[in-house]
Amino acid sequence: QGDNTGYKNVFKSYENDLIIRFNPSWMEKKEKLDISNKQFFKAVEFAKMLFENWMRVLYEQIELSDLEQSIWERAVQNGKDGIVVLEEKIPWQIFIKKKGYEDVKLIIDKSDRGGYSITSKDKDLYQIKDSKYLTFVHPSKFMGVAETLDKAIIGAKYSLNLAC
């Protein structure tokens, strides 16, 4: 058993370490008699937030995988020269590992920081090359960023030595 005061046969995790931080110090206990209960309820609220986030992620993995799979399939079918352009931000990395996507070389999707990311399926086989079309290329050449979709496509073609 374990709770926010210790562990016995409980898997120790980062989250448990955070919960322990809600325990009042000896000085707090000395000065405020009801501090343990107050801190306990704060810990419960924090744990509820963690649990709700875990459930949200789990729900998306279960319920949205068919939708994401169809978005991925459509993008692959519309892809050309090994370049797949995703119209929507999905976790494409889970699909690329499956069989049947050997022709996919580079994936273009919207960047969380603005613009478009170009990511290599395998940086050892397909490296992103520095060019005037890309505003950033990672030093390991596994990804690059362009301001617009058109520039991302041209940068991807340039990286694959295709006519632009």
N, C-alpha and C. Protein backbone atom coordinates (compact mmCIF):
# COMPACT_ATOMS: atom_id res chain seq x y z
N GLN A 1 0.83 -1.17 0.00
CA GLN A 1 0.00 0.00 0.00
C GLN A 1 0.88 1.24 0.00
N GLY A 2 0.31 2.33 -0.44
CA GLY A 2 1.02 3.59 -0.41
C GLY A 2 0.04 4.73 -0.50
N ASP A 3 0.42 5.85 0.05
CA ASP A 3 -0.37 7.06 -0.10
C ASP A 3 0.59 8.22 -0.23
N ASN A 4 0.14 9.42 0.05
CA ASN A 4 1.02 10.56 -0.14
C ASN A 4 2.07 10.71 0.96
N THR A 5 2.16 9.73 1.88
CA THR A 5 3.20 9.78 2.91
C THR A 5 4.26 8.72 2.70
N GLY A 6 4.10 7.83 1.76
CA GLY A 6 5.14 6.83 1.55
C GLY A 6 4.72 5.73 0.62
N TYR A 7 5.62 4.75 0.44
CA TYR A 7 5.42 3.67 -0.50
C TYR A 7 5.66 2.33 0.18
N LYS A 8 4.82 1.39 -0.14
CA LYS A 8 5.06 -0.01 0.17
C LYS A 8 4.44 -0.77 -0.98
N ASN A 9 5.25 -1.41 -1.74
CA ASN A 9 4.77 -2.18 -2.90
C ASN A 9 4.01 -1.30 -3.89
N VAL A 10 4.40 -0.05 -4.02
CA VAL A 10 3.76 0.87 -4.95
C VAL A 10 4.81 1.31 -5.95
N PHE A 11 4.45 1.28 -7.22
CA PHE A 11 5.35 1.75 -8.27
C PHE A 11 5.64 3.23 -8.05
N LYS A 12 6.90 3.56 -7.91
CA LYS A 12 7.27 4.95 -7.69
C LYS A 12 7.29 5.67 -9.03
N SER A 13 6.62 6.81 -9.08
CA SER A 13 6.55 7.56 -10.32
C SER A 13 6.73 9.05 -10.04
N TYR A 14 6.93 9.78 -11.10
CA TYR A 14 7.06 11.23 -11.01
C TYR A 14 5.82 11.84 -10.39
N GLU A 15 4.66 11.34 -10.77
CA GLU A 15 3.41 11.88 -10.24
C GLU A 15 3.32 11.68 -8.73
N ASN A 16 3.72 10.48 -8.26
CA ASN A 16 3.70 10.23 -6.83
C ASN A 16 4.65 11.17 -6.10
N ASP A 17 5.80 11.42 -6.70
CA ASP A 17 6.75 12.37 -6.10
C ASP A 17 6.12 13.75 -5.99
N LEU A 18 5.34 14.14 -6.98
CA LEU A 18 4.67 15.44 -6.91
C LEU A 18 3.63 15.48 -5.81
N ILE A 19 2.87 14.42 -5.66
CA ILE A 19 1.84 14.35 -4.63
C ILE A 19 2.47 14.47 -3.24
N ILE A 20 3.60 13.83 -3.05
CA ILE A 20 4.28 13.89 -1.75
C ILE A 20 4.61 15.33 -1.37
N ARG A 21 4.84 16.17 -2.37
CA ARG A 21 5.21 17.57 -2.10
C ARG A 21 4.08 18.35 -1.43
N PHE A 22 2.88 17.79 -1.41
CA PHE A 22 1.77 18.45 -0.73
C PHE A 22 1.80 18.22 0.78
N ASN A 23 2.59 17.27 1.23
CA ASN A 23 2.67 17.02 2.68
C ASN A 23 3.22 18.25 3.38
N PRO A 24 2.58 18.64 4.48
CA PRO A 24 3.07 19.81 5.21
C PRO A 24 4.38 19.50 5.93
N SER A 25 5.18 20.52 6.10
CA SER A 25 6.44 20.37 6.84
C SER A 25 6.13 20.31 8.33
N TRP A 26 7.10 19.92 9.10
CA TRP A 26 6.90 19.86 10.55
C TRP A 26 6.59 21.24 11.11
N MET A 27 7.20 22.28 10.51
CA MET A 27 6.96 23.64 10.98
C MET A 27 5.52 24.06 10.70
N GLU A 28 5.02 23.70 9.52
CA GLU A 28 3.63 24.02 9.18
C GLU A 28 2.66 23.31 10.13
N LYS A 29 2.96 22.06 10.43
CA LYS A 29 2.11 21.29 11.35
C LYS A 29 2.11 21.91 12.74
N LYS A 30 3.25 22.42 13.14
CA LYS A 30 3.38 23.03 14.46
C LYS A 30 2.56 24.31 14.56
N GLU A 31 2.56 25.09 13.46
CA GLU A 31 1.89 26.40 13.47
C GLU A 31 0.40 26.32 13.14
N LYS A 32 0.01 25.31 12.32
CA LYS A 32 -1.40 25.22 11.90
C LYS A 32 -1.87 23.79 12.09
N LEU A 33 -2.78 23.60 13.00
CA LEU A 33 -3.23 22.25 13.32
C LEU A 33 -4.01 21.60 12.18
N ASP A 34 -4.72 22.38 11.39
CA ASP A 34 -5.55 21.81 10.33
C ASP A 34 -4.84 21.75 8.97
N ILE A 35 -3.56 22.02 8.93
CA ILE A 35 -2.83 22.07 7.65
C ILE A 35 -2.80 20.72 6.93
N SER A 36 -2.74 19.63 7.65
CA SER A 36 -2.70 18.31 7.00
C SER A 36 -3.94 18.07 6.15
N ASN A 37 -5.11 18.39 6.69
CA ASN A 37 -6.34 18.21 5.92
C ASN A 37 -6.38 19.14 4.71
N LYS A 38 -5.97 20.39 4.90
CA LYS A 38 -5.98 21.35 3.78
C LYS A 38 -5.05 20.87 2.67
N GLN A 39 -3.87 20.43 3.04
CA GLN A 39 -2.90 19.96 2.03
C GLN A 39 -3.39 18.67 1.36
N PHE A 40 -4.05 17.82 2.13
CA PHE A 40 -4.59 16.59 1.56
C PHE A 40 -5.60 16.91 0.45
N PHE A 41 -6.50 17.85 0.71
CA PHE A 41 -7.51 18.18 -0.30
C PHE A 41 -6.90 18.88 -1.51
N LYS A 42 -5.82 19.63 -1.30
CA LYS A 42 -5.10 20.20 -2.44
C LYS A 42 -4.48 19.08 -3.28
N ALA A 43 -3.92 18.07 -2.60
CA ALA A 43 -3.33 16.93 -3.31
C ALA A 43 -4.39 16.17 -4.10
N VAL A 44 -5.58 16.03 -3.51
CA VAL A 44 -6.68 15.34 -4.21
C VAL A 44 -7.05 16.10 -5.48
N GLU A 45 -7.16 17.41 -5.41
CA GLU A 45 -7.49 18.22 -6.60
C GLU A 45 -6.41 18.07 -7.68
N PHE A 46 -5.17 18.08 -7.26
CA PHE A 46 -4.06 17.91 -8.20
C PHE A 46 -4.12 16.53 -8.85
N ALA A 47 -4.36 15.50 -8.04
CA ALA A 47 -4.44 14.14 -8.56
C ALA A 47 -5.62 14.01 -9.54
N LYS A 48 -6.73 14.68 -9.26
CA LYS A 48 -7.88 14.66 -10.17
C LYS A 48 -7.51 15.27 -11.52
N MET A 49 -6.74 16.37 -11.50
CA MET A 49 -6.30 16.98 -12.77
C MET A 49 -5.42 16.01 -13.55
N LEU A 50 -4.48 15.36 -12.87
CA LEU A 50 -3.62 14.38 -13.55
C LEU A 50 -4.46 13.26 -14.16
N PHE A 51 -5.40 12.74 -13.38
CA PHE A 51 -6.24 11.64 -13.83
C PHE A 51 -7.08 12.05 -15.04
N GLU A 52 -7.67 13.23 -15.00
CA GLU A 52 -8.47 13.71 -16.12
C GLU A 52 -7.63 13.84 -17.38
N ASN A 53 -6.40 14.29 -17.25
CA ASN A 53 -5.51 14.38 -18.42
C ASN A 53 -5.14 13.01 -18.94
N TRP A 54 -4.88 12.05 -18.06
CA TRP A 54 -4.60 10.69 -18.51
C TRP A 54 -5.80 10.12 -19.26
N MET A 55 -7.00 10.36 -18.75
CA MET A 55 -8.20 9.85 -19.39
C MET A 55 -8.43 10.49 -20.76
N ARG A 56 -8.14 11.80 -20.85
CA ARG A 56 -8.29 12.50 -22.14
C ARG A 56 -7.37 11.89 -23.18
N VAL A 57 -6.13 11.64 -22.82
CA VAL A 57 -5.17 11.04 -23.75
C VAL A 57 -5.60 9.63 -24.12
N LEU A 58 -6.01 8.86 -23.13
CA LEU A 58 -6.47 7.50 -23.40
C LEU A 58 -7.69 7.50 -24.31
N TYR A 59 -8.63 8.39 -24.07
CA TYR A 59 -9.82 8.50 -24.92
C TYR A 59 -9.41 8.79 -26.37
N GLU A 60 -8.49 9.73 -26.54
CA GLU A 60 -8.05 10.06 -27.90
C GLU A 60 -7.38 8.88 -28.57
N GLN A 61 -6.58 8.14 -27.83
CA GLN A 61 -5.91 6.97 -28.41
C GLN A 61 -6.92 5.92 -28.85
N ILE A 62 -7.99 5.76 -28.09
CA ILE A 62 -8.98 4.73 -28.41
C ILE A 62 -9.99 5.23 -29.43
N GLU A 63 -10.60 6.37 -29.17
CA GLU A 63 -11.72 6.85 -29.97
C GLU A 63 -11.31 7.54 -31.26
N LEU A 64 -10.20 8.22 -31.27
CA LEU A 64 -9.84 9.01 -32.45
C LEU A 64 -8.90 8.28 -33.40
N SER A 65 -8.44 7.11 -33.04
CA SER A 65 -7.47 6.44 -33.90
C SER A 65 -8.03 6.13 -35.29
N ASP A 66 -9.32 5.78 -35.40
CA ASP A 66 -9.91 5.53 -36.72
C ASP A 66 -9.95 6.80 -37.55
N LEU A 67 -10.32 7.91 -36.94
CA LEU A 67 -10.35 9.19 -37.64
C LEU A 67 -8.94 9.59 -38.10
N GLU A 68 -7.99 9.48 -37.18
CA GLU A 68 -6.60 9.81 -37.54
C GLU A 68 -6.08 8.90 -38.64
N GLN A 69 -6.43 7.61 -38.56
CA GLN A 69 -6.00 6.65 -39.59
C GLN A 69 -6.55 7.05 -40.96
N SER A 70 -7.79 7.49 -41.02
CA SER A 70 -8.37 7.88 -42.30
C SER A 70 -7.71 9.16 -42.83
N ILE A 71 -7.38 10.09 -41.94
CA ILE A 71 -6.67 11.32 -42.37
C ILE A 71 -5.30 10.93 -42.92
N TRP A 72 -4.61 10.03 -42.24
CA TRP A 72 -3.30 9.57 -42.70
C TRP A 72 -3.40 8.87 -44.05
N GLU A 73 -4.34 7.95 -44.17
CA GLU A 73 -4.52 7.20 -45.42
C GLU A 73 -4.79 8.14 -46.60
N ARG A 74 -5.66 9.10 -46.38
CA ARG A 74 -5.99 10.06 -47.44
C ARG A 74 -4.74 10.86 -47.85
N ALA A 75 -3.95 11.27 -46.87
CA ALA A 75 -2.74 12.03 -47.16
C ALA A 75 -1.72 11.18 -47.92
N VAL A 76 -1.59 9.93 -47.54
CA VAL A 76 -0.66 9.03 -48.23
C VAL A 76 -1.11 8.81 -49.67
N GLN A 77 -2.41 8.60 -49.87
CA GLN A 77 -2.93 8.40 -51.23
C GLN A 77 -2.71 9.63 -52.10
N ASN A 78 -2.78 10.81 -51.51
CA ASN A 78 -2.57 12.05 -52.26
C ASN A 78 -1.10 12.44 -52.36
N GLY A 79 -0.25 11.72 -51.66
CA GLY A 79 1.18 12.03 -51.67
C GLY A 79 1.81 11.78 -53.03
N LYS A 80 2.94 12.44 -53.24
CA LYS A 80 3.62 12.30 -54.52
C LYS A 80 5.13 12.32 -54.27
N ASP A 81 5.84 11.44 -54.96
CA ASP A 81 7.30 11.36 -54.87
C ASP A 81 7.78 11.07 -53.45
N GLY A 82 6.96 10.39 -52.66
CA GLY A 82 7.35 10.05 -51.30
C GLY A 82 7.10 11.16 -50.29
N ILE A 83 6.45 12.23 -50.72
CA ILE A 83 6.15 13.36 -49.84
C ILE A 83 4.67 13.34 -49.48
N VAL A 84 4.38 13.27 -48.19
CA VAL A 84 3.01 13.25 -47.68
C VAL A 84 2.73 14.58 -47.01
N VAL A 85 1.65 15.22 -47.42
CA VAL A 85 1.24 16.50 -46.82
C VAL A 85 -0.02 16.26 -46.00
N LEU A 86 0.09 16.53 -44.70
CA LEU A 86 -1.05 16.38 -43.81
C LEU A 86 -1.75 17.72 -43.65
N GLU A 87 -3.04 17.72 -43.93
CA GLU A 87 -3.85 18.94 -43.79
C GLU A 87 -4.15 19.22 -42.32
N GLU A 88 -4.18 18.15 -41.52
CA GLU A 88 -4.50 18.29 -40.10
C GLU A 88 -3.37 17.73 -39.26
N LYS A 89 -3.20 18.27 -38.07
CA LYS A 89 -2.16 17.82 -37.15
C LYS A 89 -2.62 16.54 -36.48
N ILE A 90 -1.96 15.44 -36.80
CA ILE A 90 -2.26 14.16 -36.17
C ILE A 90 -0.94 13.52 -35.76
N PRO A 91 -0.98 12.54 -34.86
CA PRO A 91 0.26 11.85 -34.47
C PRO A 91 0.64 10.81 -35.52
N TRP A 92 1.14 11.27 -36.65
CA TRP A 92 1.43 10.39 -37.78
C TRP A 92 2.52 9.36 -37.47
N GLN A 93 3.32 9.61 -36.45
CA GLN A 93 4.42 8.71 -36.13
C GLN A 93 3.93 7.30 -35.78
N ILE A 94 2.71 7.19 -35.27
CA ILE A 94 2.19 5.87 -34.93
C ILE A 94 1.81 5.08 -36.19
N PHE A 95 1.52 5.77 -37.28
CA PHE A 95 1.11 5.10 -38.51
C PHE A 95 2.30 4.75 -39.40
N ILE A 96 3.32 5.58 -39.41
CA ILE A 96 4.45 5.40 -40.32
C ILE A 96 5.18 4.09 -40.06
N LYS A 97 5.08 3.58 -38.85
CA LYS A 97 5.79 2.36 -38.48
C LYS A 97 5.11 1.10 -39.01
N LYS A 98 3.86 1.24 -39.44
CA LYS A 98 3.13 0.08 -39.93
C LYS A 98 3.57 -0.27 -41.35
N LYS A 99 3.36 -1.51 -41.71
CA LYS A 99 3.72 -1.95 -43.07
C LYS A 99 2.83 -1.27 -44.10
N GLY A 100 3.36 -1.11 -45.28
CA GLY A 100 2.60 -0.52 -46.36
C GLY A 100 2.94 0.93 -46.63
N TYR A 101 3.87 1.48 -45.87
CA TYR A 101 4.23 2.88 -46.06
C TYR A 101 5.70 3.03 -46.45
N GLU A 102 6.21 2.04 -47.13
CA GLU A 102 7.62 2.06 -47.54
C GLU A 102 7.94 3.21 -48.49
N ASP A 103 6.95 3.65 -49.27
CA ASP A 103 7.17 4.72 -50.24
C ASP A 103 7.20 6.11 -49.60
N VAL A 104 6.72 6.23 -48.38
CA VAL A 104 6.73 7.53 -47.69
C VAL A 104 8.15 7.86 -47.26
N LYS A 105 8.61 9.06 -47.63
CA LYS A 105 9.96 9.50 -47.29
C LYS A 105 9.95 10.71 -46.36
N LEU A 106 9.13 11.70 -46.71
CA LEU A 106 9.05 12.93 -45.93
C LEU A 106 7.59 13.26 -45.63
N ILE A 107 7.36 13.80 -44.43
CA ILE A 107 6.02 14.18 -44.01
C ILE A 107 6.00 15.67 -43.74
N ILE A 108 5.03 16.36 -44.33
CA ILE A 108 4.85 17.80 -44.10
C ILE A 108 3.56 17.99 -43.33
N ASP A 109 3.66 18.75 -42.22
CA ASP A 109 2.46 19.09 -41.47
C ASP A 109 2.65 20.45 -40.83
N LYS A 110 1.57 20.99 -40.30
CA LYS A 110 1.62 22.31 -39.67
C LYS A 110 2.49 22.24 -38.43
N SER A 111 3.36 23.23 -38.30
CA SER A 111 4.23 23.30 -37.13
C SER A 111 3.50 23.95 -35.96
N ASP A 112 3.76 23.47 -34.78
CA ASP A 112 3.17 24.07 -33.58
C ASP A 112 3.68 25.49 -33.37
N ARG A 113 4.81 25.83 -33.98
CA ARG A 113 5.41 27.15 -33.81
C ARG A 113 5.11 28.08 -34.98
N GLY A 114 4.25 27.65 -35.87
CA GLY A 114 3.93 28.44 -37.05
C GLY A 114 4.64 27.88 -38.27
N GLY A 115 4.05 28.06 -39.42
CA GLY A 115 4.63 27.52 -40.64
C GLY A 115 4.38 26.04 -40.77
N TYR A 116 5.30 25.36 -41.48
CA TYR A 116 5.14 23.93 -41.76
C TYR A 116 6.44 23.20 -41.47
N SER A 117 6.29 22.02 -40.89
CA SER A 117 7.45 21.17 -40.61
C SER A 117 7.58 20.12 -41.70
N ILE A 118 8.81 19.82 -42.03
CA ILE A 118 9.12 18.69 -42.92
C ILE A 118 9.91 17.72 -42.05
N THR A 119 9.43 16.50 -41.94
CA THR A 119 10.11 15.52 -41.10
C THR A 119 10.43 14.29 -41.93
N SER A 120 11.65 13.81 -41.77
CA SER A 120 12.08 12.62 -42.48
C SER A 120 11.57 11.37 -41.79
N LYS A 121 11.12 10.42 -42.60
CA LYS A 121 10.72 9.12 -42.07
C LYS A 121 11.93 8.42 -41.47
N ASP A 122 13.08 8.60 -42.10
CA ASP A 122 14.33 7.98 -41.64
C ASP A 122 15.47 8.91 -42.02
N LYS A 123 16.03 9.60 -41.04
CA LYS A 123 17.06 10.62 -41.32
C LYS A 123 18.32 10.01 -41.93
N ASP A 124 18.52 8.71 -41.75
CA ASP A 124 19.69 8.08 -42.37
C ASP A 124 19.48 7.88 -43.87
N LEU A 125 18.23 7.78 -44.29
CA LEU A 125 17.92 7.61 -45.72
C LEU A 125 17.55 8.91 -46.41
N TYR A 126 16.80 9.76 -45.70
CA TYR A 126 16.28 10.99 -46.31
C TYR A 126 16.57 12.17 -45.39
N GLN A 127 17.60 12.92 -45.70
CA GLN A 127 17.96 14.07 -44.88
C GLN A 127 17.38 15.34 -45.46
N ILE A 128 16.99 16.25 -44.58
CA ILE A 128 16.48 17.55 -45.00
C ILE A 128 17.69 18.44 -45.29
N LYS A 129 17.69 19.03 -46.46
CA LYS A 129 18.82 19.87 -46.87
C LYS A 129 18.53 21.35 -46.62
N ASP A 130 19.57 22.07 -46.21
CA ASP A 130 19.45 23.52 -46.09
C ASP A 130 19.14 24.10 -47.47
N SER A 131 18.22 25.05 -47.49
CA SER A 131 17.89 25.72 -48.75
C SER A 131 17.25 27.06 -48.43
N LYS A 132 17.11 27.87 -49.46
CA LYS A 132 16.49 29.19 -49.27
C LYS A 132 15.00 29.08 -48.96
N TYR A 133 14.42 27.91 -49.17
CA TYR A 133 13.00 27.71 -48.93
C TYR A 133 12.68 27.43 -47.46
N LEU A 134 13.70 26.98 -46.73
CA LEU A 134 13.49 26.59 -45.34
C LEU A 134 14.10 27.62 -44.39
N THR A 135 13.35 27.94 -43.33
CA THR A 135 13.84 28.91 -42.35
C THR A 135 14.68 28.25 -41.28
N PHE A 136 14.57 26.93 -41.15
CA PHE A 136 15.33 26.20 -40.14
C PHE A 136 15.50 24.76 -40.59
N VAL A 137 16.69 24.22 -40.39
CA VAL A 137 16.95 22.79 -40.57
C VAL A 137 17.69 22.32 -39.33
N HIS A 138 17.17 21.29 -38.71
CA HIS A 138 17.81 20.75 -37.50
C HIS A 138 19.22 20.27 -37.85
N PRO A 139 20.18 20.47 -36.94
CA PRO A 139 21.56 20.04 -37.23
C PRO A 139 21.68 18.57 -37.61
N SER A 140 20.82 17.71 -37.10
CA SER A 140 20.89 16.29 -37.46
C SER A 140 20.17 15.98 -38.77
N LYS A 141 19.54 17.01 -39.38
CA LYS A 141 18.88 16.91 -40.69
C LYS A 141 17.62 16.04 -40.72
N PHE A 142 17.03 15.78 -39.54
CA PHE A 142 15.81 14.96 -39.55
C PHE A 142 14.56 15.79 -39.82
N MET A 143 14.66 17.13 -39.64
CA MET A 143 13.49 17.96 -39.89
C MET A 143 13.90 19.37 -40.25
N GLY A 144 12.94 20.05 -40.89
CA GLY A 144 13.14 21.44 -41.25
C GLY A 144 11.80 22.17 -41.15
N VAL A 145 11.87 23.50 -41.26
CA VAL A 145 10.66 24.32 -41.15
C VAL A 145 10.63 25.32 -42.28
N ALA A 146 9.43 25.54 -42.83
CA ALA A 146 9.21 26.54 -43.88
C ALA A 146 8.06 27.45 -43.46
N GLU A 147 8.06 28.67 -44.00
CA GLU A 147 7.01 29.63 -43.65
C GLU A 147 5.66 29.26 -44.27
N THR A 148 5.69 28.69 -45.47
CA THR A 148 4.44 28.37 -46.16
C THR A 148 4.45 26.92 -46.62
N LEU A 149 3.28 26.43 -46.95
CA LEU A 149 3.17 25.06 -47.46
C LEU A 149 3.91 24.92 -48.78
N ASP A 150 3.78 25.91 -49.66
CA ASP A 150 4.47 25.85 -50.95
C ASP A 150 5.99 25.73 -50.77
N LYS A 151 6.54 26.55 -49.86
CA LYS A 151 7.98 26.48 -49.60
C LYS A 151 8.37 25.15 -48.96
N ALA A 152 7.50 24.61 -48.13
CA ALA A 152 7.78 23.31 -47.51
C ALA A 152 7.84 22.22 -48.58
N ILE A 153 6.92 22.25 -49.52
CA ILE A 153 6.91 21.25 -50.60
C ILE A 153 8.16 21.38 -51.46
N ILE A 154 8.53 22.61 -51.81
CA ILE A 154 9.74 22.82 -52.61
C ILE A 154 10.97 22.37 -51.82
N GLY A 155 11.03 22.72 -50.53
CA GLY A 155 12.15 22.28 -49.69
C GLY A 155 12.23 20.78 -49.58
N ALA A 156 11.08 20.11 -49.51
CA ALA A 156 11.06 18.64 -49.45
C ALA A 156 11.56 18.04 -50.76
N LYS A 157 11.09 18.59 -51.88
CA LYS A 157 11.56 18.10 -53.18
C LYS A 157 13.06 18.31 -53.35
N TYR A 158 13.53 19.46 -52.93
CA TYR A 158 14.96 19.76 -53.01
C TYR A 158 15.76 18.75 -52.17
N SER A 159 15.24 18.42 -50.98
CA SER A 159 15.91 17.46 -50.11
C SER A 159 15.98 16.08 -50.73
N LEU A 160 15.02 15.74 -51.58
CA LEU A 160 14.99 14.44 -52.24
C LEU A 160 15.61 14.49 -53.64
N ASN A 161 16.24 15.61 -53.98
CA ASN A 161 16.86 15.79 -55.30
C ASN A 161 15.87 15.66 -56.44
N LEU A 162 14.67 16.18 -56.23
CA LEU A 162 13.64 16.16 -57.26
C LEU A 162 13.59 17.53 -57.92
N ALA A 163 13.15 17.58 -59.15
CA ALA A 163 12.99 18.86 -59.83
C ALA A 163 11.93 19.68 -59.12
N CYS A 164 12.25 20.93 -58.87
CA CYS A 164 11.31 21.80 -58.13
C CYS A 164 10.42 22.53 -59.07
